[in-house]
Protein backbone atom coordinates (compact mmCIF):
# COMPACT_ATOMS: atom_id res chain seq x y z
CA UNK A 1 144.87 86.77 57.27
CA UNK A 2 143.12 83.40 57.31
CA UNK A 3 145.13 80.94 55.19
CA UNK A 4 142.11 79.49 53.36
CA UNK A 5 141.75 80.97 49.88
CA UNK A 6 137.95 80.81 50.11
CA UNK A 7 137.99 83.51 52.78
CA UNK A 8 140.53 85.86 51.21
CA UNK A 9 139.39 89.29 50.03
CA UNK A 10 141.55 91.37 47.68
CA UNK A 11 138.93 93.62 46.09
CA UNK A 12 140.18 97.10 46.91
CA UNK A 13 136.77 98.75 46.79
CA UNK A 14 135.35 96.22 49.25
CA UNK A 15 138.33 96.62 51.57
CA UNK A 16 138.12 100.41 51.52
CA UNK A 17 134.41 100.16 52.27
CA UNK A 18 135.27 97.97 55.25
CA UNK A 19 137.75 100.57 56.54
CA UNK A 20 135.10 103.26 56.13
CA UNK A 21 132.63 101.23 58.20
CA UNK A 22 135.22 100.23 60.81
CA UNK A 23 137.69 103.12 61.15
CA UNK A 24 139.19 102.06 64.48
CA UNK A 25 142.26 99.92 63.99
CA UNK A 26 145.13 98.18 65.72
CA UNK A 27 148.68 99.04 64.62
CA UNK A 28 151.34 96.38 65.15
CA UNK A 29 155.04 97.08 64.60
CA UNK A 30 158.48 95.95 65.70
CA UNK A 31 160.07 99.10 67.08
CA UNK A 32 162.92 99.75 69.50
CA UNK A 33 163.61 96.03 69.61
CA UNK A 34 160.11 95.07 70.75
CA UNK A 35 156.77 94.17 69.25
CA UNK A 36 154.42 97.04 70.06
CA UNK A 37 150.71 97.69 69.53
CA UNK A 38 148.53 100.76 69.40
CA UNK A 39 144.82 101.35 68.82
CA UNK A 40 143.73 104.39 66.84
CA UNK A 41 141.03 105.88 64.60
CA UNK A 42 142.03 106.23 60.96
CA UNK A 43 141.45 108.34 57.87
CA UNK A 44 142.08 106.71 54.47
CA UNK A 45 143.55 108.99 51.81
CA UNK A 46 143.94 108.47 48.07
CA UNK A 47 147.01 110.53 47.14
CA UNK A 48 148.68 110.78 43.71
CA UNK A 49 150.12 107.33 43.14
CA UNK A 50 149.59 106.17 46.72
CA UNK A 51 146.95 104.80 49.05
CA UNK A 52 147.67 105.99 52.60
CA UNK A 53 146.14 105.63 56.05
CA UNK A 54 146.60 108.49 58.50
CA UNK A 55 146.34 108.13 62.27
CA UNK A 56 147.51 109.76 65.49
CA UNK A 57 148.96 108.54 68.76
CA UNK A 58 149.50 109.93 72.20
CA UNK A 59 153.11 111.04 72.57
CA UNK A 60 153.26 108.66 75.55
CA UNK A 61 152.35 105.69 73.34
CA UNK A 62 155.09 103.08 73.03
CA UNK A 63 155.10 103.41 69.23
CA UNK A 64 155.22 107.20 69.18
CA UNK A 65 158.89 107.42 70.09
CA UNK A 66 159.86 105.33 67.07
CA UNK A 67 157.97 107.42 64.51
CA UNK A 68 160.81 109.82 63.71
CA UNK A 69 163.01 106.91 62.62
CA UNK A 70 160.08 105.23 60.89
CA UNK A 71 159.07 101.59 60.95
CA UNK A 72 157.06 99.02 59.04
CA UNK A 73 153.63 98.19 60.45
CA UNK A 74 150.55 96.09 59.95
CA UNK A 75 147.18 97.75 60.54
CA UNK A 76 144.19 95.56 61.35
CA UNK A 77 140.54 96.63 61.30
CA UNK A 78 138.12 94.04 62.69
CA UNK A 79 134.48 94.13 61.70
CA UNK A 80 131.52 92.01 62.77
CA UNK A 81 132.35 88.62 64.33
CA UNK A 82 130.51 85.81 66.06
CA UNK A 83 131.04 82.40 67.63
CA UNK A 84 129.41 79.64 65.57
CA UNK A 85 128.08 76.59 67.41
CA UNK A 86 128.29 73.21 65.61
CA UNK A 87 124.67 72.57 66.62
CA UNK A 88 123.47 75.25 64.22
CA UNK A 89 124.61 73.51 61.04
CA UNK A 90 122.10 70.70 61.34
CA UNK A 91 124.80 68.25 60.26
CA UNK A 92 126.95 65.71 62.08
CA UNK A 93 130.64 65.94 62.95
CA UNK A 94 131.00 69.72 62.87
CA UNK A 95 133.24 71.75 65.17
CA UNK A 96 132.95 75.22 66.72
CA UNK A 97 134.37 78.11 64.74
CA UNK A 98 134.30 81.90 64.55
CA UNK A 99 132.94 83.86 61.60
CA UNK A 100 134.33 87.35 61.04
CA UNK A 101 135.38 90.03 58.60
CA UNK A 102 138.66 91.91 58.84
CA UNK A 103 141.05 94.02 56.78
CA UNK A 104 144.84 94.29 56.92
CA UNK A 105 147.03 97.05 55.52
CA UNK A 106 150.82 96.86 55.61
CA UNK A 107 153.55 99.34 54.78
CA UNK A 108 156.09 101.86 56.04
CA UNK A 109 155.03 104.45 58.61
CA UNK A 110 156.42 107.96 58.97
CA UNK A 111 155.53 110.92 61.16
CA UNK A 112 153.65 113.87 59.66
CA UNK A 113 154.22 117.57 60.22
CA UNK A 114 152.04 119.88 62.27
CA UNK A 115 149.93 120.99 59.32
CA UNK A 116 149.33 117.36 58.40
CA UNK A 117 148.25 116.56 61.95
CA UNK A 118 145.81 119.47 62.01
CA UNK A 119 144.30 118.35 58.70
CA UNK A 120 144.03 114.78 60.01
CA UNK A 121 142.19 115.86 63.16
CA UNK A 122 139.81 118.09 61.22
CA UNK A 123 139.09 115.35 58.67
CA UNK A 124 138.70 112.68 61.35
CA UNK A 125 136.17 114.69 63.34
CA UNK A 126 134.27 115.59 60.15
CA UNK A 127 134.27 111.93 59.09
CA UNK A 128 132.83 110.72 62.39
CA UNK A 129 130.50 113.67 63.04
CA UNK A 130 128.86 112.96 59.66
CA UNK A 131 127.71 109.60 61.03
CA UNK A 132 125.76 111.42 63.75
CA UNK A 133 123.51 113.41 61.42
CA UNK A 134 121.16 115.15 61.88
CA UNK A 135 123.16 116.33 64.89
CA UNK A 136 124.89 119.63 64.04
CA UNK A 137 128.56 119.02 63.23
CA UNK A 138 131.12 119.64 65.94
CA UNK A 139 134.22 121.51 64.79
CA UNK A 140 137.19 122.84 66.70
CA UNK A 141 135.81 126.33 66.13
CA UNK A 142 133.65 125.58 69.19
CA UNK A 143 136.77 125.33 71.38
CA UNK A 144 138.22 128.16 73.44
CA UNK A 145 141.03 130.08 71.71
CA UNK A 146 144.33 128.25 72.04
CA UNK A 147 142.83 125.09 73.55
CA UNK A 148 143.07 123.02 70.37
CA UNK A 149 146.74 123.92 69.88
CA UNK A 150 147.54 123.11 73.51
CA UNK A 151 145.88 119.69 73.34
CA UNK A 152 147.45 118.91 69.98
CA UNK A 153 150.90 119.04 71.54
CA UNK A 154 150.08 115.80 73.39
CA UNK A 155 149.74 113.75 70.20
CA UNK A 156 151.69 112.94 67.06
CA UNK A 157 150.37 112.23 63.57
CA UNK A 158 151.54 109.43 61.31
CA UNK A 159 150.95 108.06 57.82
CA UNK A 160 151.09 104.45 56.67
CA UNK A 161 151.79 104.06 52.95
CA UNK A 162 149.81 100.99 51.92
CA UNK A 163 151.86 98.37 50.09
CA UNK A 164 149.59 95.42 50.91
CA UNK A 165 145.83 95.51 51.39
CA UNK A 166 143.82 92.35 51.89
CA UNK A 167 141.08 90.98 54.05
CA UNK A 168 139.35 87.97 55.48
CA UNK A 169 135.64 87.42 54.94
CA UNK A 170 134.94 84.19 56.83
CA UNK A 171 131.21 83.59 56.58
CA UNK A 172 130.93 79.84 56.18
CA UNK A 173 131.76 79.74 52.47
CA UNK A 174 133.11 76.21 53.02
CA UNK A 175 129.69 75.01 54.21
CA UNK A 176 126.59 74.04 52.28
CA UNK A 177 123.81 76.56 51.80
CA UNK A 178 121.57 74.62 54.17
CA UNK A 179 124.23 74.66 56.87
CA UNK A 180 124.83 78.37 56.41
CA UNK A 181 121.11 79.11 56.58
CA UNK A 182 120.98 77.17 59.85
CA UNK A 183 123.64 79.46 61.27
CA UNK A 184 121.82 82.56 59.99
CA UNK A 185 118.62 81.46 61.68
CA UNK A 186 120.41 80.79 64.97
CA UNK A 187 122.22 84.13 64.94
CA UNK A 188 118.98 86.04 64.47
CA UNK A 189 119.60 89.78 64.18
CA UNK A 190 123.35 89.57 64.78
CA UNK A 191 125.37 91.60 62.20
CA UNK A 192 127.16 88.43 61.10
CA UNK A 193 123.81 86.88 60.17
CA UNK A 194 123.08 89.83 57.88
CA UNK A 195 126.48 89.47 56.21
CA UNK A 196 126.00 85.71 55.75
CA UNK A 197 122.52 86.20 54.34
CA UNK A 198 123.80 88.70 51.79
CA UNK A 199 126.63 86.37 50.76
CA UNK A 200 124.42 83.34 50.13
CA UNK A 201 123.61 83.05 46.43
CA UNK A 202 119.93 83.71 45.67
CA UNK A 203 118.03 80.72 44.41
CA UNK A 204 117.65 80.63 40.63
């Protein structure tokens, strides 16, 4: 996370909304004596007493072999981001920077059983197919008999129990409104411009 307090986000609802919009994440963990990374789509689950994030990995992934023993991991979901030129502020003595939004979740990771993996895959496809409406939903019922089970053997499911959830929303909050509006104008229709515009207080 960015060290500046002005950019820190701890509102759980906002962070969960971010994960819903950006459900492809990087998992970082120290396993088998090495720092290892994996990239994976996620499903967020609210369970009794716990917030969890489910994901799956190829069994050939470097992290997969460590799942049975378990490990602690940090999950990072990066949203919109953009380079910011000093010229756009309309003020002297500025420096280049990068505006972005991101979310981090940290906690212990354990493997899930076969039923859990099947539920994860069904929920993940339903989650992402819903974004494609009005396209008819794809389900594994469209697959040939036995094909889903055969392919499932190549992956392993996992669950991260969230013990820390926080984010960075770096949209020029440390700049004046005029400087931020200069950046918005320069970025045009970039997604970061829309986020900055929404974050600027409306004039009273």
